Amino acid sequence: MKKETVIGLAGFNLLFAAAEIILFSALRDSGAKPAASLLAGVISFAVFVAVNYCIFTFVGRRKPVRTSKLKDAQDYREALESWESKQNPFNNELRQAIHQLDLFYQKKTALKALLGEEGKAENPFLSVSSDVQDFLFSNMKKLLNRMTIMDMADHSRIPMHNEYIQHILSQNKQLLSQYDNLIIEISQIGDSKDLGSLDLENITEALRELRDEQHPESGTVQQSAQEEA
């Protein structure tokens, strides 16, 4: 049971018990007829059941994440963390996705440190970082969307969801590996002035392939345009 639900139930029931004591003490002191006391008891019981049901059903219910409002890594991190619960069979996968976000920003910070003054200006290396970030955020949106539509009580569909989620995490892992290769190559260059000699073609090829895999329609459009030209 969610923490918010427990707090809601405990708070209401304590207040309800206090109100009942006051109500029936007042009825007794006023010399109310048994029928009036019985009616009050029936109404109280109905209110007790209805409110407890509403609290148990609705308080603490997870609201769908509006991914359009997620702007930065912290937003995505909090959105992913919000889906962790005892009922969710993919808690490990959620934590893995969060770790991938954290890992990317550790690598991005390391890249900026290696670039030094070069990292403060526009350059292809920072452009690669931007591409990696966009890709990760896009995949995190897909993961959050799957959490939103998933019926965790329907165990027959868990394997299907698992296959999809593992595919996303695998894509992220490949991308981060390529990004790490870029940072390793830069770290092997002694002077930032020599960065222009670093060939990005091989390093970014895997990134382009992953982007095409995620958005195959973009590759089709580009190919059609080239054929028409």
C-alpha atoms as a PDB file:
ATOM      1  CA  MET A   1       0.000   0.000   0.000  1.00  0.00           C
ATOM      2  CA  LYS A   2       1.365   3.417  -0.944  1.00  0.00           C
ATOM      3  CA  LYS A   3       2.557   5.766   1.780  1.00  0.00           C
ATOM      4  CA  GLU A   4       0.072   8.464   0.719  1.00  0.00           C
ATOM      5  CA  THR A   5      -2.793   5.961   1.006  1.00  0.00           C
ATOM      6  CA  VAL A   6      -1.770   4.862   4.509  1.00  0.00           C
ATOM      7  CA  ILE A   7      -1.497   8.469   5.678  1.00  0.00           C
ATOM      8  CA  GLY A   8      -4.870   9.331   4.136  1.00  0.00           C
ATOM      9  CA  LEU A   9      -6.633   6.356   5.713  1.00  0.00           C
ATOM     10  CA  ALA A  10      -5.077   6.943   9.142  1.00  0.00           C
ATOM     11  CA  GLY A  11      -5.869  10.653   9.113  1.00  0.00           C
ATOM     12  CA  PHE A  12      -9.483  10.244   8.050  1.00  0.00           C
ATOM     13  CA  ASN A  13     -10.230   7.388  10.440  1.00  0.00           C
ATOM     14  CA  LEU A  14      -8.843   9.269  13.434  1.00  0.00           C
ATOM     15  CA  LEU A  15     -10.908  12.328  12.593  1.00  0.00           C
ATOM     16  CA  PHE A  16     -13.965  10.157  11.892  1.00  0.00           C
ATOM     17  CA  ALA A  17     -13.661   8.402  15.258  1.00  0.00           C
ATOM     18  CA  ALA A  18     -13.401  11.720  17.079  1.00  0.00           C
ATOM     19  CA  ALA A  19     -16.423  13.087  15.192  1.00  0.00           C
ATOM     20  CA  GLU A  20     -18.469   9.972  16.013  1.00  0.00           C
ATOM     21  CA  ILE A  21     -17.729  10.283  19.716  1.00  0.00           C
ATOM     22  CA  ILE A  22     -18.817  13.934  19.691  1.00  0.00           C
ATOM     23  CA  LEU A  23     -21.942  13.181  17.596  1.00  0.00           C
ATOM     24  CA  PHE A  24     -23.252  10.298  19.689  1.00  0.00           C
ATOM     25  CA  SER A  25     -22.410  12.071  22.933  1.00  0.00           C
ATOM     26  CA  ALA A  26     -24.508  15.002  21.738  1.00  0.00           C
ATOM     27  CA  LEU A  27     -27.385  12.706  20.713  1.00  0.00           C
ATOM     28  CA  ARG A  28     -27.321  10.978  24.085  1.00  0.00           C
ATOM     29  CA  ASP A  29     -27.225  14.236  26.022  1.00  0.00           C
ATOM     30  CA  SER A  30     -30.086  15.679  23.995  1.00  0.00           C
ATOM     31  CA  GLY A  31     -32.271  12.649  24.664  1.00  0.00           C
ATOM     32  CA  ALA A  32     -32.656  11.802  20.989  1.00  0.00           C
ATOM     33  CA  LYS A  33     -34.991   8.976  20.058  1.00  0.00           C
ATOM     34  CA  PRO A  34     -33.488   5.563  19.179  1.00  0.00           C
ATOM     35  CA  ALA A  35     -34.669   5.971  15.587  1.00  0.00           C
ATOM     36  CA  ALA A  36     -32.626   9.186  15.245  1.00  0.00           C
ATOM     37  CA  SER A  37     -29.555   7.496  16.707  1.00  0.00           C
ATOM     38  CA  LEU A  38     -30.038   4.536  14.382  1.00  0.00           C
ATOM     39  CA  LEU A  39     -30.354   6.831  11.356  1.00  0.00           C
ATOM     40  CA  ALA A  40     -27.223   8.709  12.404  1.00  0.00           C
ATOM     41  CA  GLY A  41     -25.405   5.411  12.765  1.00  0.00           C
ATOM     42  CA  VAL A  42     -26.437   4.231   9.284  1.00  0.00           C
ATOM     43  CA  ILE A  43     -25.384   7.519   7.701  1.00  0.00           C
ATOM     44  CA  SER A  44     -22.078   7.488   9.582  1.00  0.00           C
ATOM     45  CA  PHE A  45     -21.362   3.943   8.459  1.00  0.00           C
ATOM     46  CA  ALA A  46     -22.132   4.829   4.827  1.00  0.00           C
ATOM     47  CA  VAL A  47     -19.826   7.852   4.990  1.00  0.00           C
ATOM     48  CA  PHE A  48     -17.108   5.762   6.634  1.00  0.00           C
ATOM     49  CA  VAL A  49     -17.207   3.092   3.932  1.00  0.00           C
ATOM     50  CA  ALA A  50     -17.461   5.546   1.030  1.00  0.00           C
ATOM     51  CA  VAL A  51     -14.607   7.796   2.133  1.00  0.00           C
ATOM     52  CA  ASN A  52     -12.314   4.886   2.978  1.00  0.00           C
ATOM     53  CA  TYR A  53     -13.013   3.369  -0.429  1.00  0.00           C
ATOM     54  CA  CYS A  54     -12.210   6.645  -2.185  1.00  0.00           C
ATOM     55  CA  ILE A  55      -8.991   7.106  -0.228  1.00  0.00           C
ATOM     56  CA  PHE A  56      -7.902   3.518  -0.836  1.00  0.00           C
ATOM     57  CA  THR A  57      -8.726   3.766  -4.542  1.00  0.00           C
ATOM     58  CA  PHE A  58      -7.670   7.251  -5.538  1.00  0.00           C
ATOM     59  CA  VAL A  59      -5.244   8.786  -3.026  1.00  0.00           C
ATOM     60  CA  GLY A  60      -1.664   8.188  -4.112  1.00  0.00           C
ATOM     61  CA  ARG A  61      -2.743   6.906  -7.521  1.00  0.00           C
ATOM     62  CA  ARG A  62       0.034   7.534  -9.975  1.00  0.00           C
ATOM     63  CA  LYS A  63      -0.744  10.236 -12.503  1.00  0.00           C
ATOM     64  CA  PRO A  64       0.427   9.745 -16.087  1.00  0.00           C
ATOM     65  CA  VAL A  65       3.614  11.665 -16.781  1.00  0.00           C
ATOM     66  CA  ARG A  66       3.237  14.430 -19.353  1.00  0.00           C
ATOM     67  CA  THR A  67       6.467  13.830 -21.207  1.00  0.00           C
ATOM     68  CA  SER A  68       6.030  17.054 -23.186  1.00  0.00           C
ATOM     69  CA  LYS A  69       6.804  18.947 -19.976  1.00  0.00           C
ATOM     70  CA  LEU A  70      10.072  17.134 -19.292  1.00  0.00           C
ATOM     71  CA  LYS A  71      12.918  19.503 -20.105  1.00  0.00           C
ATOM     72  CA  ASP A  72      16.153  18.325 -18.504  1.00  0.00           C
ATOM     73  CA  ALA A  73      17.824  15.271 -17.006  1.00  0.00           C
ATOM     74  CA  GLN A  74      16.481  15.975 -13.522  1.00  0.00           C
ATOM     75  CA  ASP A  75      12.912  16.011 -14.885  1.00  0.00           C
ATOM     76  CA  TYR A  76      13.449  12.640 -16.538  1.00  0.00           C
ATOM     77  CA  ARG A  77      15.184  11.272 -13.462  1.00  0.00           C
ATOM     78  CA  GLU A  78      12.276  12.221 -11.195  1.00  0.00           C
ATOM     79  CA  ALA A  79       9.730  10.896 -13.696  1.00  0.00           C
ATOM     80  CA  LEU A  80      11.495   7.521 -13.837  1.00  0.00           C
ATOM     81  CA  GLU A  81      11.841   7.358 -10.043  1.00  0.00           C
ATOM     82  CA  SER A  82       8.122   8.073  -9.636  1.00  0.00           C
ATOM     83  CA  TRP A  83       7.298   4.727 -11.267  1.00  0.00           C
ATOM     84  CA  GLU A  84       9.255   2.639  -8.779  1.00  0.00           C
ATOM     85  CA  SER A  85       6.914   0.630  -6.563  1.00  0.00           C
ATOM     86  CA  LYS A  86       6.465  -2.847  -5.116  1.00  0.00           C
ATOM     87  CA  GLN A  87       3.915  -3.611  -7.832  1.00  0.00           C
ATOM     88  CA  ASN A  88       6.203  -2.652 -10.717  1.00  0.00           C
ATOM     89  CA  PRO A  89       8.085  -5.655 -12.157  1.00  0.00           C
ATOM     90  CA  PHE A  90      10.538  -3.320 -13.901  1.00  0.00           C
ATOM     91  CA  ASN A  91      12.104  -1.503 -10.950  1.00  0.00           C
ATOM     92  CA  ASN A  92      15.564  -2.777 -11.901  1.00  0.00           C
ATOM     93  CA  GLU A  93      15.110  -1.523 -15.447  1.00  0.00           C
ATOM     94  CA  LEU A  94      13.981   1.877 -14.191  1.00  0.00           C
ATOM     95  CA  ARG A  95      17.059   2.139 -12.010  1.00  0.00           C
ATOM     96  CA  GLN A  96      19.196   1.097 -14.977  1.00  0.00           C
ATOM     97  CA  ALA A  97      17.673   3.879 -17.097  1.00  0.00           C
ATOM     98  CA  ILE A  98      18.357   6.384 -14.325  1.00  0.00           C
ATOM     99  CA  HIS A  99      21.957   5.147 -14.128  1.00  0.00           C
ATOM    100  CA  GLN A 100      22.308   5.642 -17.889  1.00  0.00           C
ATOM    101  CA  LEU A 101      21.204   9.258 -17.542  1.00  0.00           C
ATOM    102  CA  ASP A 102      23.658   9.825 -14.713  1.00  0.00           C
ATOM    103  CA  LEU A 103      26.426   8.107 -16.660  1.00  0.00           C
ATOM    104  CA  PHE A 104      25.860  10.318 -19.681  1.00  0.00           C
ATOM    105  CA  TYR A 105      26.163  13.498 -17.645  1.00  0.00           C
ATOM    106  CA  GLN A 106      29.322  12.226 -15.981  1.00  0.00           C
ATOM    107  CA  LYS A 107      30.798  11.608 -19.424  1.00  0.00           C
ATOM    108  CA  LYS A 108      29.567  14.971 -20.712  1.00  0.00           C
ATOM    109  CA  THR A 109      31.243  16.745 -17.791  1.00  0.00           C
ATOM    110  CA  ALA A 110      34.453  14.823 -18.476  1.00  0.00           C
ATOM    111  CA  LEU A 111      34.319  15.799 -22.156  1.00  0.00           C
ATOM    112  CA  LYS A 112      33.957  19.491 -21.336  1.00  0.00           C
ATOM    113  CA  ALA A 113      36.883  19.243 -18.952  1.00  0.00           C
ATOM    114  CA  LEU A 114      39.046  17.624 -21.638  1.00  0.00           C
ATOM    115  CA  LEU A 115      38.093  20.261 -24.200  1.00  0.00           C
ATOM    116  CA  GLY A 116      38.964  23.107 -21.849  1.00  0.00           C
ATOM    117  CA  GLU A 117      38.522  26.447 -23.571  1.00  0.00           C
ATOM    118  CA  GLU A 118      37.534  24.627 -26.738  1.00  0.00           C
ATOM    119  CA  GLY A 119      34.523  23.265 -24.851  1.00  0.00           C
ATOM    120  CA  LYS A 120      33.094  26.741 -24.391  1.00  0.00           C
ATOM    121  CA  ALA A 121      32.676  27.347 -28.115  1.00  0.00           C
ATOM    122  CA  GLU A 122      30.649  25.615 -30.795  1.00  0.00           C
ATOM    123  CA  ASN A 123      32.450  22.526 -32.036  1.00  0.00           C
ATOM    124  CA  PRO A 124      31.534  19.103 -33.446  1.00  0.00           C
ATOM    125  CA  PHE A 125      32.306  17.353 -30.168  1.00  0.00           C
ATOM    126  CA  LEU A 126      29.680  19.286 -28.257  1.00  0.00           C
ATOM    127  CA  SER A 127      27.316  18.674 -31.152  1.00  0.00           C
ATOM    128  CA  VAL A 128      27.790  14.946 -30.610  1.00  0.00           C
ATOM    129  CA  SER A 129      26.944  15.432 -26.928  1.00  0.00           C
ATOM    130  CA  SER A 130      23.759  17.199 -27.911  1.00  0.00           C
ATOM    131  CA  ASP A 131      22.827  14.340 -30.259  1.00  0.00           C
ATOM    132  CA  VAL A 132      23.454  11.766 -27.547  1.00  0.00           C
ATOM    133  CA  GLN A 133      21.333  13.723 -25.082  1.00  0.00           C
ATOM    134  CA  ASP A 134      18.450  14.069 -27.537  1.00  0.00           C
ATOM    135  CA  PHE A 135      18.575  10.354 -28.271  1.00  0.00           C
ATOM    136  CA  LEU A 136      18.569   9.419 -24.588  1.00  0.00           C
ATOM    137  CA  PHE A 137      15.709  11.777 -23.792  1.00  0.00           C
ATOM    138  CA  SER A 138      13.696  10.366 -26.697  1.00  0.00           C
ATOM    139  CA  ASN A 139      14.206   6.824 -25.418  1.00  0.00           C
ATOM    140  CA  MET A 140      13.354   7.835 -21.848  1.00  0.00           C
ATOM    141  CA  LYS A 141      10.069   9.259 -23.149  1.00  0.00           C
ATOM    142  CA  LYS A 142       9.309   5.918 -24.786  1.00  0.00           C
ATOM    143  CA  LEU A 143      10.058   4.127 -21.534  1.00  0.00           C
ATOM    144  CA  LEU A 144       7.809   6.473 -19.548  1.00  0.00           C
ATOM    145  CA  ASN A 145       5.022   6.138 -22.104  1.00  0.00           C
ATOM    146  CA  ARG A 146       5.206   2.358 -21.800  1.00  0.00           C
ATOM    147  CA  MET A 147       4.929   2.642 -18.005  1.00  0.00           C
ATOM    148  CA  THR A 148       1.839   4.811 -18.416  1.00  0.00           C
ATOM    149  CA  ILE A 149      -0.072   2.353 -20.594  1.00  0.00           C
ATOM    150  CA  MET A 150       1.146  -0.797 -18.849  1.00  0.00           C
ATOM    151  CA  ASP A 151      -1.308  -2.859 -16.801  1.00  0.00           C
ATOM    152  CA  MET A 152       1.005  -4.289 -14.154  1.00  0.00           C
ATOM    153  CA  ALA A 153      -1.658  -6.762 -13.071  1.00  0.00           C
ATOM    154  CA  ASP A 154      -1.746  -8.335 -16.544  1.00  0.00           C
ATOM    155  CA  HIS A 155       1.157 -10.758 -16.191  1.00  0.00           C
ATOM    156  CA  SER A 156       0.529 -12.277 -19.615  1.00  0.00           C
ATOM    157  CA  ARG A 157       1.851  -9.109 -21.259  1.00  0.00           C
ATOM    158  CA  ILE A 158       4.905  -8.672 -19.053  1.00  0.00           C
ATOM    159  CA  PRO A 159       7.224 -10.547 -21.489  1.00  0.00           C
ATOM    160  CA  MET A 160       6.129  -8.229 -24.309  1.00  0.00           C
ATOM    161  CA  HIS A 161       6.803  -5.133 -22.218  1.00  0.00           C
ATOM    162  CA  ASN A 162      10.102  -6.574 -21.064  1.00  0.00           C
ATOM    163  CA  GLU A 163      11.290  -7.113 -24.637  1.00  0.00           C
ATOM    164  CA  TYR A 164      10.492  -3.508 -25.531  1.00  0.00           C
ATOM    165  CA  ILE A 165      12.142  -2.056 -22.435  1.00  0.00           C
ATOM    166  CA  GLN A 166      15.264  -4.179 -22.853  1.00  0.00           C
ATOM    167  CA  HIS A 167      15.538  -2.979 -26.459  1.00  0.00           C
ATOM    168  CA  ILE A 168      15.498   0.649 -25.323  1.00  0.00           C
ATOM    169  CA  LEU A 169      18.089   0.052 -22.616  1.00  0.00           C
ATOM    170  CA  SER A 170      20.279  -1.817 -25.087  1.00  0.00           C
ATOM    171  CA  GLN A 171      20.136   1.108 -27.529  1.00  0.00           C
ATOM    172  CA  ASN A 172      21.159   3.469 -24.745  1.00  0.00           C
ATOM    173  CA  LYS A 173      24.039   1.187 -23.778  1.00  0.00           C
ATOM    174  CA  GLN A 174      25.355   1.098 -27.350  1.00  0.00           C
ATOM    175  CA  LEU A 175      25.111   4.855 -27.661  1.00  0.00           C
ATOM    176  CA  LEU A 176      26.911   5.498 -24.384  1.00  0.00           C
ATOM    177  CA  SER A 177      29.644   3.079 -25.449  1.00  0.00           C
ATOM    178  CA  GLN A 178      30.225   5.058 -28.647  1.00  0.00           C
ATOM    179  CA  TYR A 179      30.201   8.290 -26.698  1.00  0.00           C
ATOM    180  CA  ASP A 180      32.783   6.829 -24.332  1.00  0.00           C
ATOM    181  CA  ASN A 181      34.966   5.909 -27.314  1.00  0.00           C
ATOM    182  CA  LEU A 182      34.889   9.543 -28.404  1.00  0.00           C
ATOM    183  CA  ILE A 183      35.970  10.755 -24.968  1.00  0.00           C
ATOM    184  CA  ILE A 184      38.761   8.156 -24.792  1.00  0.00           C
ATOM    185  CA  GLU A 185      40.155   9.288 -28.140  1.00  0.00           C
ATOM    186  CA  ILE A 186      40.049  12.931 -27.085  1.00  0.00           C
ATOM    187  CA  SER A 187      41.787  12.073 -23.800  1.00  0.00           C
ATOM    188  CA  GLN A 188      44.674  10.554 -25.777  1.00  0.00           C
ATOM    189  CA  ILE A 189      45.385  13.865 -27.513  1.00  0.00           C
ATOM    190  CA  GLY A 190      47.801  15.936 -25.464  1.00  0.00           C
ATOM    191  CA  ASP A 191      46.886  19.404 -26.723  1.00  0.00           C
ATOM    192  CA  SER A 192      43.384  20.731 -27.333  1.00  0.00           C
ATOM    193  CA  LYS A 193      44.758  22.522 -30.416  1.00  0.00           C
ATOM    194  CA  ASP A 194      45.218  19.106 -32.006  1.00  0.00           C
ATOM    195  CA  LEU A 195      41.551  18.199 -31.652  1.00  0.00           C
ATOM    196  CA  GLY A 196      40.948  19.132 -35.278  1.00  0.00           C
ATOM    197  CA  SER A 197      42.987  16.112 -36.313  1.00  0.00           C
ATOM    198  CA  LEU A 198      40.547  13.719 -34.648  1.00  0.00           C
ATOM    199  CA  ASP A 199      38.421  11.881 -37.200  1.00  0.00           C
ATOM    200  CA  LEU A 200      34.816  11.674 -35.942  1.00  0.00           C
ATOM    201  CA  GLU A 201      33.497   9.699 -38.874  1.00  0.00           C
ATOM    202  CA  ASN A 202      34.014   6.212 -37.473  1.00  0.00           C
ATOM    203  CA  ILE A 203      32.994   7.201 -33.959  1.00  0.00           C
ATOM    204  CA  THR A 204      29.740   8.865 -34.969  1.00  0.00           C
ATOM    205  CA  GLU A 205      28.748   6.242 -37.536  1.00  0.00           C
ATOM    206  CA  ALA A 206      27.195   4.032 -34.847  1.00  0.00           C
ATOM    207  CA  LEU A 207      25.340   7.048 -33.516  1.00  0.00           C
ATOM    208  CA  ARG A 208      23.861   7.772 -36.941  1.00  0.00           C
ATOM    209  CA  GLU A 209      22.860   4.130 -37.350  1.00  0.00           C
ATOM    210  CA  LEU A 210      21.111   4.163 -33.983  1.00  0.00           C
ATOM    211  CA  ARG A 211      19.276   7.354 -34.882  1.00  0.00           C
ATOM    212  CA  ASP A 212      18.154   5.803 -38.166  1.00  0.00           C
ATOM    213  CA  GLU A 213      16.987   2.715 -36.291  1.00  0.00           C
ATOM    214  CA  GLN A 214      14.984   4.847 -33.908  1.00  0.00           C
ATOM    215  CA  HIS A 215      13.602   7.095 -36.661  1.00  0.00           C
ATOM    216  CA  PRO A 216      13.722   4.996 -39.840  1.00  0.00           C
ATOM    217  CA  GLU A 217      11.447   7.414 -41.627  1.00  0.00           C
ATOM    218  CA  SER A 218      14.111  10.116 -41.587  1.00  0.00           C
ATOM    219  CA  GLY A 219      16.533   7.880 -43.504  1.00  0.00           C
ATOM    220  CA  THR A 220      13.832   7.101 -46.062  1.00  0.00           C
ATOM    221  CA  VAL A 221      13.096  10.786 -46.609  1.00  0.00           C
ATOM    222  CA  GLN A 222      16.773  11.608 -47.085  1.00  0.00           C
ATOM    223  CA  GLN A 223      17.230   8.733 -49.536  1.00  0.00           C
ATOM    224  CA  SER A 224      14.176   9.807 -51.564  1.00  0.00           C
ATOM    225  CA  ALA A 225      15.475  13.363 -51.716  1.00  0.00           C
ATOM    226  CA  GLN A 226      18.860  12.209 -52.971  1.00  0.00           C
ATOM    227  CA  GLU A 227      17.252  10.015 -55.661  1.00  0.00           C
ATOM    228  CA  GLU A 228      15.064  12.904 -56.862  1.00  0.00           C
ATOM    229  CA  ALA A 229      18.097  15.162 -57.065  1.00  0.00           C
END
